[in-house]
């Protein structure tokens, strides 16, 4: 399974990234090298390893009990927001999701 430059372009478009043709070719090559390296796992003999398809065998392996702790005071959280980035006690952020 090889990653094509068209697939790299599609991923870049989804992430709103722009690359030159040289960068796209480099990324395609690097992705394919990674996939080739990972495909070596298929060569491993795992016949003696028991398959775990659920986490029931791990019940009771909790490291510590859950504990409800108070959160930071609102004023302390908002002090890290840059000027003009707070509204009604919340931190305003830039829109990062679009309909595309």
PDB file of N, CA and C in Angstrom:
ATOM      1  N   UNK A   1       0.852  -1.182   0.000  1.00  0.00           N
ATOM      2  CA  UNK A   1       0.000   0.000   0.000  1.00  0.00           C
ATOM      3  C   UNK A   1       0.887   1.231   0.000  1.00  0.00           C
ATOM      4  N   UNK A   2       0.795   2.006  -1.031  1.00  0.00           N
ATOM      5  CA  UNK A   2       1.622   3.199  -1.150  1.00  0.00           C
ATOM      6  C   UNK A   2       0.748   4.446  -1.048  1.00  0.00           C
ATOM      7  N   UNK A   3       1.296   5.449  -0.417  1.00  0.00           N
ATOM      8  CA  UNK A   3       0.614   6.738  -0.292  1.00  0.00           C
ATOM      9  C   UNK A   3       0.962   7.560  -1.527  1.00  0.00           C
ATOM     10  N   UNK A   4      -0.056   8.096  -2.186  1.00  0.00           N
ATOM     11  CA  UNK A   4       0.180   8.890  -3.382  1.00  0.00           C
ATOM     12  C   UNK A   4       0.267  10.376  -3.044  1.00  0.00           C
ATOM     13  N   UNK A   5       0.786  11.128  -3.972  1.00  0.00           N
ATOM     14  CA  UNK A   5       0.879  12.575  -3.781  1.00  0.00           C
ATOM     15  C   UNK A   5      -0.524  13.181  -3.703  1.00  0.00           C
ATOM     16  N   UNK A   6      -1.481  12.612  -4.432  1.00  0.00           N
ATOM     17  CA  UNK A   6      -2.866  13.094  -4.364  1.00  0.00           C
ATOM     18  C   UNK A   6      -3.433  12.916  -2.957  1.00  0.00           C
ATOM     19  N   UNK A   7      -3.103  11.803  -2.306  1.00  0.00           N
ATOM     20  CA  UNK A   7      -3.573  11.584  -0.939  1.00  0.00           C
ATOM     21  C   UNK A   7      -2.923  12.567   0.027  1.00  0.00           C
ATOM     22  N   UNK A   8      -1.641  12.856  -0.194  1.00  0.00           N
ATOM     23  CA  UNK A   8      -0.943  13.849   0.636  1.00  0.00           C
ATOM     24  C   UNK A   8      -1.601  15.220   0.450  1.00  0.00           C
ATOM     25  N   UNK A   9      -1.930  15.567  -0.786  1.00  0.00           N
ATOM     26  CA  UNK A   9      -2.608  16.846  -1.056  1.00  0.00           C
ATOM     27  C   UNK A   9      -3.951  16.908  -0.326  1.00  0.00           C
ATOM     28  N   UNK A  10      -4.680  15.789  -0.350  1.00  0.00           N
ATOM     29  CA  UNK A  10      -5.984  15.745   0.308  1.00  0.00           C
ATOM     30  C   UNK A  10      -5.836  15.946   1.815  1.00  0.00           C
ATOM     31  N   UNK A  11      -4.872  15.263   2.424  1.00  0.00           N
ATOM     32  CA  UNK A  11      -4.627  15.411   3.864  1.00  0.00           C
ATOM     33  C   UNK A  11      -4.207  16.848   4.180  1.00  0.00           C
ATOM     34  N   UNK A  12      -3.328  17.397   3.355  1.00  0.00           N
ATOM     35  CA  UNK A  12      -2.874  18.775   3.559  1.00  0.00           C
ATOM     36  C   UNK A  12      -4.047  19.752   3.454  1.00  0.00           C
ATOM     37  N   UNK A  13      -4.937  19.512   2.511  1.00  0.00           N
ATOM     38  CA  UNK A  13      -6.112  20.364   2.343  1.00  0.00           C
ATOM     39  C   UNK A  13      -7.012  20.297   3.575  1.00  0.00           C
ATOM     40  N   UNK A  14      -7.207  19.090   4.115  1.00  0.00           N
ATOM     41  CA  UNK A  14      -8.023  18.942   5.318  1.00  0.00           C
ATOM     42  C   UNK A  14      -7.412  19.688   6.497  1.00  0.00           C
ATOM     43  N   UNK A  15      -6.081  19.707   6.547  1.00  0.00           N
ATOM     44  CA  UNK A  15      -5.378  20.380   7.639  1.00  0.00           C
ATOM     45  C   UNK A  15      -5.098  21.844   7.325  1.00  0.00           C
ATOM     46  N   UNK A  16      -5.603  22.300   6.180  1.00  0.00           N
ATOM     47  CA  UNK A  16      -5.403  23.693   5.743  1.00  0.00           C
ATOM     48  C   UNK A  16      -3.916  24.039   5.630  1.00  0.00           C
ATOM     49  N   UNK A  17      -3.139  23.096   5.057  1.00  0.00           N
ATOM     50  CA  UNK A  17      -1.713  23.306   4.862  1.00  0.00           C
ATOM     51  C   UNK A  17      -1.423  23.395   3.374  1.00  0.00           C
ATOM     52  N   UNK A  18      -0.434  24.180   3.033  1.00  0.00           N
ATOM     53  CA  UNK A  18      -0.030  24.318   1.641  1.00  0.00           C
ATOM     54  C   UNK A  18       1.425  23.885   1.520  1.00  0.00           C
ATOM     55  N   UNK A  19       1.713  23.045   0.512  1.00  0.00           N
ATOM     56  CA  UNK A  19       3.063  22.542   0.292  1.00  0.00           C
ATOM     57  C   UNK A  19       3.434  22.690  -1.170  1.00  0.00           C
ATOM     58  N   UNK A  20       4.724  22.821  -1.403  1.00  0.00           N
ATOM     59  CA  UNK A  20       5.228  22.847  -2.776  1.00  0.00           C
ATOM     60  C   UNK A  20       5.223  21.427  -3.315  1.00  0.00           C
ATOM     61  N   UNK A  21       5.393  21.293  -4.630  1.00  0.00           N
ATOM     62  CA  UNK A  21       5.447  19.959  -5.233  1.00  0.00           C
ATOM     63  C   UNK A  21       6.607  19.143  -4.674  1.00  0.00           C
ATOM     64  N   UNK A  22       7.723  19.807  -4.406  1.00  0.00           N
ATOM     65  CA  UNK A  22       8.887  19.105  -3.844  1.00  0.00           C
ATOM     66  C   UNK A  22       8.578  18.590  -2.441  1.00  0.00           C
ATOM     67  N   UNK A  23       7.896  19.407  -1.649  1.00  0.00           N
ATOM     68  CA  UNK A  23       7.531  18.976  -0.296  1.00  0.00           C
ATOM     69  C   UNK A  23       6.540  17.819  -0.337  1.00  0.00           C
ATOM     70  N   UNK A  24       5.573  17.889  -1.262  1.00  0.00           N
ATOM     71  CA  UNK A  24       4.606  16.799  -1.393  1.00  0.00           C
ATOM     72  C   UNK A  24       5.302  15.491  -1.758  1.00  0.00           C
ATOM     73  N   UNK A  25       6.245  15.564  -2.674  1.00  0.00           N
ATOM     74  CA  UNK A  25       6.981  14.362  -3.072  1.00  0.00           C
ATOM     75  C   UNK A  25       7.802  13.822  -1.908  1.00  0.00           C
ATOM     76  N   UNK A  26       8.405  14.723  -1.142  1.00  0.00           N
ATOM     77  CA  UNK A  26       9.193  14.307   0.020  1.00  0.00           C
ATOM     78  C   UNK A  26       8.303  13.622   1.058  1.00  0.00           C
ATOM     79  N   UNK A  27       7.131  14.220   1.342  1.00  0.00           N
ATOM     80  CA  UNK A  27       6.214  13.627   2.313  1.00  0.00           C
ATOM     81  C   UNK A  27       5.724  12.262   1.848  1.00  0.00           C
ATOM     82  N   UNK A  28       5.399  12.139   0.571  1.00  0.00           N
ATOM     83  CA  UNK A  28       4.945  10.851   0.043  1.00  0.00           C
ATOM     84  C   UNK A  28       6.030   9.797   0.230  1.00  0.00           C
ATOM     85  N   UNK A  29       7.252  10.170  -0.072  1.00  0.00           N
ATOM     86  CA  UNK A  29       8.373   9.241   0.107  1.00  0.00           C
ATOM     87  C   UNK A  29       8.548   8.859   1.570  1.00  0.00           C
ATOM     88  N   UNK A  30       8.475   9.845   2.465  1.00  0.00           N
ATOM     89  CA  UNK A  30       8.643   9.578   3.894  1.00  0.00           C
ATOM     90  C   UNK A  30       7.500   8.713   4.442  1.00  0.00           C
ATOM     91  N   UNK A  31       6.270   9.012   4.032  1.00  0.00           N
ATOM     92  CA  UNK A  31       5.131   8.186   4.468  1.00  0.00           C
ATOM     93  C   UNK A  31       5.311   6.745   4.002  1.00  0.00           C
ATOM     94  N   UNK A  32       5.726   6.581   2.753  1.00  0.00           N
ATOM     95  CA  UNK A  32       5.905   5.232   2.230  1.00  0.00           C
ATOM     96  C   UNK A  32       7.037   4.497   2.936  1.00  0.00           C
ATOM     97  N   UNK A  33       8.095   5.205   3.287  1.00  0.00           N
ATOM     98  CA  UNK A  33       9.175   4.580   4.058  1.00  0.00           C
ATOM     99  C   UNK A  33       8.672   4.129   5.422  1.00  0.00           C
ATOM    100  N   UNK A  34       7.868   4.938   6.062  1.00  0.00           N
ATOM    101  CA  UNK A  34       7.307   4.585   7.371  1.00  0.00           C
ATOM    102  C   UNK A  34       6.405   3.364   7.245  1.00  0.00           C
ATOM    103  N   UNK A  35       5.535   3.357   6.227  1.00  0.00           N
ATOM    104  CA  UNK A  35       4.632   2.217   6.030  1.00  0.00           C
ATOM    105  C   UNK A  35       5.407   0.937   5.727  1.00  0.00           C
ATOM    106  N   UNK A  36       6.479   1.049   4.947  1.00  0.00           N
ATOM    107  CA  UNK A  36       7.318  -0.118   4.662  1.00  0.00           C
ATOM    108  C   UNK A  36       7.957  -0.643   5.941  1.00  0.00           C
ATOM    109  N   UNK A  37       8.414   0.272   6.771  1.00  0.00           N
ATOM    110  CA  UNK A  37       9.042  -0.127   8.036  1.00  0.00           C
ATOM    111  C   UNK A  37       8.027  -0.816   8.949  1.00  0.00           C
ATOM    112  N   UNK A  38       6.846  -0.244   9.041  1.00  0.00           N
ATOM    113  CA  UNK A  38       5.810  -0.812   9.901  1.00  0.00           C
ATOM    114  C   UNK A  38       5.334  -2.159   9.375  1.00  0.00           C
ATOM    115  N   UNK A  39       5.364  -2.341   8.057  1.00  0.00           N
ATOM    116  CA  UNK A  39       4.903  -3.607   7.490  1.00  0.00           C
ATOM    117  C   UNK A  39       5.775  -4.784   7.921  1.00  0.00           C
ATOM    118  N   UNK A  40       6.941  -4.503   8.481  1.00  0.00           N
ATOM    119  CA  UNK A  40       7.811  -5.572   8.981  1.00  0.00           C
ATOM    120  C   UNK A  40       7.150  -6.317  10.142  1.00  0.00           C
ATOM    121  N   UNK A  41       6.174  -5.691  10.789  1.00  0.00           N
ATOM    122  CA  UNK A  41       5.465  -6.347  11.889  1.00  0.00           C
ATOM    123  C   UNK A  41       4.776  -7.615  11.392  1.00  0.00           C
ATOM    124  N   UNK A  42       4.338  -7.604  10.137  1.00  0.00           N
ATOM    125  CA  UNK A  42       3.677  -8.783   9.575  1.00  0.00           C
ATOM    126  C   UNK A  42       4.610  -9.995   9.560  1.00  0.00           C
ATOM    127  N   UNK A  43       5.905  -9.757   9.556  1.00  0.00           N
ATOM    128  CA  UNK A  43       6.871 -10.845   9.502  1.00  0.00           C
ATOM    129  C   UNK A  43       7.108 -11.482  10.874  1.00  0.00           C
ATOM    130  N   UNK A  44       6.632 -10.849  11.940  1.00  0.00           N
ATOM    131  CA  UNK A  44       6.831 -11.376  13.288  1.00  0.00           C
ATOM    132  C   UNK A  44       5.923 -12.573  13.530  1.00  0.00           C
ATOM    133  N   UNK A  45       6.464 -13.573  14.200  1.00  0.00           N
ATOM    134  CA  UNK A  45       5.677 -14.739  14.577  1.00  0.00           C
ATOM    135  C   UNK A  45       4.993 -14.439  15.900  1.00  0.00           C
ATOM    136  N   UNK A  46       3.693 -14.236  15.851  1.00  0.00           N
ATOM    137  CA  UNK A  46       2.931 -13.922  17.053  1.00  0.00           C
ATOM    138  C   UNK A  46       1.951 -15.049  17.379  1.00  0.00           C
ATOM    139  N   UNK A  47       2.230 -16.243  16.869  1.00  0.00           N
ATOM    140  CA  UNK A  47       1.301 -17.361  17.043  1.00  0.00           C
ATOM    141  C   UNK A  47       1.165 -17.793  18.499  1.00  0.00           C
ATOM    142  N   UNK A  48       2.193 -17.540  19.307  1.00  0.00           N
ATOM    143  CA  UNK A  48       2.118 -17.965  20.706  1.00  0.00           C
ATOM    144  C   UNK A  48       1.636 -16.855  21.643  1.00  0.00           C
ATOM    145  N   UNK A  49       1.191 -15.738  21.077  1.00  0.00           N
ATOM    146  CA  UNK A  49       0.691 -14.623  21.886  1.00  0.00           C
ATOM    147  C   UNK A  49      -0.828 -14.697  21.926  1.00  0.00           C
ATOM    148  N   UNK A  50      -1.381 -14.693  23.136  1.00  0.00           N
ATOM    149  CA  UNK A  50      -2.826 -14.772  23.296  1.00  0.00           C
ATOM    150  C   UNK A  50      -3.466 -13.449  22.904  1.00  0.00           C
ATOM    151  N   UNK A  51      -4.517 -13.549  22.118  1.00  0.00           N
ATOM    152  CA  UNK A  51      -5.230 -12.365  21.648  1.00  0.00           C
ATOM    153  C   UNK A  51      -6.111 -11.816  22.764  1.00  0.00           C
ATOM    154  N   UNK A  52      -6.035 -10.526  23.023  1.00  0.00           N
ATOM    155  CA  UNK A  52      -6.888  -9.864  24.013  1.00  0.00           C
ATOM    156  C   UNK A  52      -7.846  -8.955  23.258  1.00  0.00           C
ATOM    157  N   UNK A  53      -9.105  -9.307  23.241  1.00  0.00           N
ATOM    158  CA  UNK A  53     -10.084  -8.496  22.516  1.00  0.00           C
ATOM    159  C   UNK A  53     -10.969  -7.680  23.440  1.00  0.00           C
ATOM    160  N   UNK A  54     -10.713  -7.745  24.718  1.00  0.00           N
ATOM    161  CA  UNK A  54     -11.492  -6.965  25.666  1.00  0.00           C
ATOM    162  C   UNK A  54     -10.616  -6.650  26.880  1.00  0.00           C
ATOM    163  N   UNK A  55     -11.107  -5.807  27.732  1.00  0.00           N
ATOM    164  CA  UNK A  55     -10.330  -5.401  28.898  1.00  0.00           C
ATOM    165  C   UNK A  55     -10.824  -6.041  30.184  1.00  0.00           C
ATOM    166  N   UNK A  56     -11.648  -7.064  30.081  1.00  0.00           N
ATOM    167  CA  UNK A  56     -12.177  -7.702  31.282  1.00  0.00           C
ATOM    168  C   UNK A  56     -11.066  -8.283  32.157  1.00  0.00           C
ATOM    169  N   UNK A  57      -9.987  -8.741  31.540  1.00  0.00           N
ATOM    170  CA  UNK A  57      -8.891  -9.331  32.306  1.00  0.00           C
ATOM    171  C   UNK A  57      -8.149  -8.283  33.134  1.00  0.00           C
ATOM    172  N   UNK A  58      -8.396  -7.029  32.863  1.00  0.00           N
ATOM    173  CA  UNK A  58      -7.675  -5.975  33.556  1.00  0.00           C
ATOM    174  C   UNK A  58      -8.530  -5.299  34.634  1.00  0.00           C
ATOM    175  N   UNK A  59      -9.695  -5.843  34.902  1.00  0.00           N
ATOM    176  CA  UNK A  59     -10.571  -5.257  35.922  1.00  0.00           C
ATOM    177  C   UNK A  59      -9.871  -5.276  37.272  1.00  0.00           C
ATOM    178  N   UNK A  60      -9.955  -4.198  37.983  1.00  0.00           N
ATOM    179  CA  UNK A  60      -9.339  -4.115  39.303  1.00  0.00           C
ATOM    180  C   UNK A  60      -7.905  -3.630  39.281  1.00  0.00           C
ATOM    181  N   UNK A  61      -7.360  -3.348  38.121  1.00  0.00           N
ATOM    182  CA  UNK A  61      -5.982  -2.858  38.032  1.00  0.00           C
ATOM    183  C   UNK A  61      -5.943  -1.333  38.052  1.00  0.00           C
ATOM    184  N   UNK A  62      -6.723  -0.742  38.914  1.00  0.00           N
ATOM    185  CA  UNK A  62      -6.761   0.711  39.022  1.00  0.00           C
ATOM    186  C   UNK A  62      -5.591   1.149  39.894  1.00  0.00           C
ATOM    187  N   UNK A  63      -4.864   2.144  39.432  1.00  0.00           N
ATOM    188  CA  UNK A  63      -3.684   2.581  40.163  1.00  0.00           C
ATOM    189  C   UNK A  63      -4.034   3.360  41.414  1.00  0.00           C
ATOM    190  N   UNK A  64      -5.084   4.123  41.359  1.00  0.00           N
ATOM    191  CA  UNK A  64      -5.500   4.892  42.526  1.00  0.00           C
ATOM    192  C   UNK A  64      -6.979   5.201  42.394  1.00  0.00           C
ATOM    193  N   UNK A  65      -7.650   5.423  43.492  1.00  0.00           N
ATOM    194  CA  UNK A  65      -9.083   5.716  43.400  1.00  0.00           C
ATOM    195  C   UNK A  65      -9.321   7.110  42.807  1.00  0.00           C
ATOM    196  N   UNK A  66     -10.430   7.242  42.105  1.00  0.00           N
ATOM    197  CA  UNK A  66     -10.810   8.548  41.580  1.00  0.00           C
ATOM    198  C   UNK A  66     -11.119   9.477  42.737  1.00  0.00           C
ATOM    199  N   UNK A  67     -10.693  10.707  42.591  1.00  0.00           N
ATOM    200  CA  UNK A  67     -10.873  11.675  43.655  1.00  0.00           C
ATOM    201  C   UNK A  67     -11.292  13.004  43.040  1.00  0.00           C
ATOM    202  N   UNK A  68     -12.406  13.533  43.479  1.00  0.00           N
ATOM    203  CA  UNK A  68     -12.878  14.815  42.962  1.00  0.00           C
ATOM    204  C   UNK A  68     -12.092  15.923  43.652  1.00  0.00           C
ATOM    205  N   UNK A  69     -11.493  16.772  42.829  1.00  0.00           N
ATOM    206  CA  UNK A  69     -10.715  17.893  43.356  1.00  0.00           C
ATOM    207  C   UNK A  69     -11.269  19.181  42.774  1.00  0.00           C
ATOM    208  N   UNK A  70     -11.192  20.261  43.508  1.00  0.00           N
ATOM    209  CA  UNK A  70     -11.696  21.529  42.958  1.00  0.00           C
ATOM    210  C   UNK A  70     -10.819  22.001  41.801  1.00  0.00           C
ATOM    211  N   UNK A  71     -11.440  22.671  40.852  1.00  0.00           N
ATOM    212  CA  UNK A  71     -10.686  23.202  39.727  1.00  0.00           C
ATOM    213  C   UNK A  71     -10.077  24.547  40.108  1.00  0.00           C
ATOM    214  N   UNK A  72      -9.323  25.105  39.195  1.00  0.00           N
ATOM    215  CA  UNK A  72      -8.732  26.422  39.439  1.00  0.00           C
ATOM    216  C   UNK A  72      -9.825  27.481  39.506  1.00  0.00           C
ATOM    217  N   UNK A  73      -9.621  28.513  40.294  1.00  0.00           N
ATOM    218  CA  UNK A  73     -10.596  29.606  40.295  1.00  0.00           C
ATOM    219  C   UNK A  73     -10.646  30.271  38.914  1.00  0.00           C
ATOM    220  N   UNK A  74     -11.821  30.720  38.528  1.00  0.00           N
ATOM    221  CA  UNK A  74     -12.002  31.307  37.199  1.00  0.00           C
ATOM    222  C   UNK A  74     -11.039  32.468  36.958  1.00  0.00           C
ATOM    223  N   UNK A  75     -10.845  33.317  37.948  1.00  0.00           N
ATOM    224  CA  UNK A  75      -9.962  34.475  37.777  1.00  0.00           C
ATOM    225  C   UNK A  75      -8.527  34.024  37.474  1.00  0.00           C
ATOM    226  N   UNK A  76      -8.082  32.944  38.092  1.00  0.00           N
ATOM    227  CA  UNK A  76      -6.719  32.451  37.869  1.00  0.00           C
ATOM    228  C   UNK A  76      -6.570  31.920  36.445  1.00  0.00           C
ATOM    229  N   UNK A  77      -7.601  31.240  35.941  1.00  0.00           N
ATOM    230  CA  UNK A  77      -7.559  30.725  34.576  1.00  0.00           C
ATOM    231  C   UNK A  77      -7.561  31.877  33.576  1.00  0.00           C
ATOM    232  N   UNK A  78      -8.411  32.853  33.795  1.00  0.00           N
ATOM    233  CA  UNK A  78      -8.552  33.953  32.848  1.00  0.00           C
ATOM    234  C   UNK A  78      -7.344  34.884  32.839  1.00  0.00           C
ATOM    235  N   UNK A  79      -6.521  34.850  33.873  1.00  0.00           N
ATOM    236  CA  UNK A  79      -5.350  35.739  33.892  1.00  0.00           C
ATOM    237  C   UNK A  79      -4.346  35.356  32.799  1.00  0.00           C
ATOM    238  N   UNK A  80      -4.424  34.139  32.277  1.00  0.00           N
ATOM    239  CA  UNK A  80      -3.512  33.704  31.224  1.00  0.00           C
ATOM    240  C   UNK A  80      -4.005  34.060  29.829  1.00  0.00           C
ATOM    241  N   UNK A  81      -5.232  34.515  29.715  1.00  0.00           N
ATOM    242  CA  UNK A  81      -5.777  34.892  28.417  1.00  0.00           C
ATOM    243  C   UNK A  81      -5.209  36.245  28.001  1.00  0.00           C
ATOM    244  N   UNK A  82      -4.890  36.361  26.730  1.00  0.00           N
ATOM    245  CA  UNK A  82      -4.368  37.636  26.238  1.00  0.00           C
ATOM    246  C   UNK A  82      -5.472  38.679  26.241  1.00  0.00           C
ATOM    247  N   UNK A  83      -5.086  39.938  26.187  1.00  0.00           N
ATOM    248  CA  UNK A  83      -6.052  41.037  26.233  1.00  0.00           C
ATOM    249  C   UNK A  83      -7.107  40.885  25.141  1.00  0.00           C
ATOM    250  N   UNK A  84      -8.348  41.081  25.513  1.00  0.00           N
ATOM    251  CA  UNK A  84      -9.443  41.033  24.555  1.00  0.00           C
ATOM    252  C   UNK A  84      -9.888  39.629  24.204  1.00  0.00           C
ATOM    253  N   UNK A  85      -9.322  38.610  24.836  1.00  0.00           N
ATOM    254  CA  UNK A  85      -9.669  37.232  24.484  1.00  0.00           C
ATOM    255  C   UNK A  85     -10.647  36.608  25.470  1.00  0.00           C
ATOM    256  N   UNK A  86     -11.177  37.399  26.398  1.00  0.00           N
ATOM    257  CA  UNK A  86     -12.164  36.853  27.327  1.00  0.00           C
ATOM    258  C   UNK A  86     -13.516  37.510  27.078  1.00  0.00           C
ATOM    259  N   UNK A  87     -14.566  36.751  27.337  1.00  0.00           N
ATOM    260  CA  UNK A  87     -15.915  37.287  27.177  1.00  0.00           C
ATOM    261  C   UNK A  87     -16.841  36.480  28.084  1.00  0.00           C
ATOM    262  N   UNK A  88     -17.559  37.178  28.939  1.00  0.00           N
ATOM    263  CA  UNK A  88     -18.530  36.552  29.838  1.00  0.00           C
ATOM    264  C   UNK A  88     -17.917  35.441  30.690  1.00  0.00           C
ATOM    265  N   UNK A  89     -16.668  35.621  31.085  1.00  0.00           N
ATOM    266  CA  UNK A  89     -16.030  34.635  31.947  1.00  0.00           C
ATOM    267  C   UNK A  89     -15.435  33.447  31.225  1.00  0.00           C
ATOM    268  N   UNK A  90     -15.368  33.497  29.899  1.00  0.00           N
ATOM    269  CA  UNK A  90     -14.793  32.417  29.103  1.00  0.00           C
ATOM    270  C   UNK A  90     -13.634  32.959  28.277  1.00  0.00           C
ATOM    271  N   UNK A  91     -12.758  32.065  27.846  1.00  0.00           N
ATOM    272  CA  UNK A  91     -11.673  32.448  26.940  1.00  0.00           C
ATOM    273  C   UNK A  91     -12.178  32.266  25.519  1.00  0.00           C
ATOM    274  N   UNK A  92     -12.121  33.325  24.727  1.00  0.00           N
ATOM    275  CA  UNK A  92     -12.536  33.250  23.324  1.00  0.00           C
ATOM    276  C   UNK A  92     -11.364  32.744  22.504  1.00  0.00           C
ATOM    277  N   UNK A  93     -11.665  31.896  21.538  1.00  0.00           N
ATOM    278  CA  UNK A  93     -10.631  31.385  20.637  1.00  0.00           C
ATOM    279  C   UNK A  93     -11.033  31.676  19.205  1.00  0.00           C
ATOM    280  N   UNK A  94     -10.083  31.540  18.304  1.00  0.00           N
ATOM    281  CA  UNK A  94     -10.370  31.708  16.895  1.00  0.00           C
ATOM    282  C   UNK A  94     -11.149  30.502  16.398  1.00  0.00           C
ATOM    283  N   UNK A  95     -11.964  30.707  15.385  1.00  0.00           N
ATOM    284  CA  UNK A  95     -12.711  29.606  14.792  1.00  0.00           C
ATOM    285  C   UNK A  95     -11.722  28.675  14.094  1.00  0.00           C
ATOM    286  N   UNK A  96     -11.804  27.395  14.414  1.00  0.00           N
ATOM    287  CA  UNK A  96     -10.849  26.448  13.807  1.00  0.00           C
ATOM    288  C   UNK A  96     -11.542  25.386  12.971  1.00  0.00           C
ATOM    289  N   UNK A  97     -12.854  25.406  12.925  1.00  0.00           N
ATOM    290  CA  UNK A  97     -13.598  24.419  12.139  1.00  0.00           C
ATOM    291  C   UNK A  97     -14.426  25.169  11.101  1.00  0.00           C
ATOM    292  N   UNK A  98     -14.394  24.670   9.884  1.00  0.00           N
ATOM    293  CA  UNK A  98     -15.197  25.305   8.847  1.00  0.00           C
ATOM    294  C   UNK A  98     -16.063  24.235   8.175  1.00  0.00           C
ATOM    295  N   UNK A  99     -16.896  24.638   7.261  1.00  0.00           N
ATOM    296  CA  UNK A  99     -17.794  23.703   6.581  1.00  0.00           C
ATOM    297  C   UNK A  99     -17.100  22.930   5.470  1.00  0.00           C
ATOM    298  N   UNK A 100     -15.871  23.289   5.139  1.00  0.00           N
ATOM    299  CA  UNK A 100     -15.150  22.623   4.047  1.00  0.00           C
ATOM    300  C   UNK A 100     -14.699  21.243   4.428  1.00  0.00           C
TER     301      UNK A 100
END
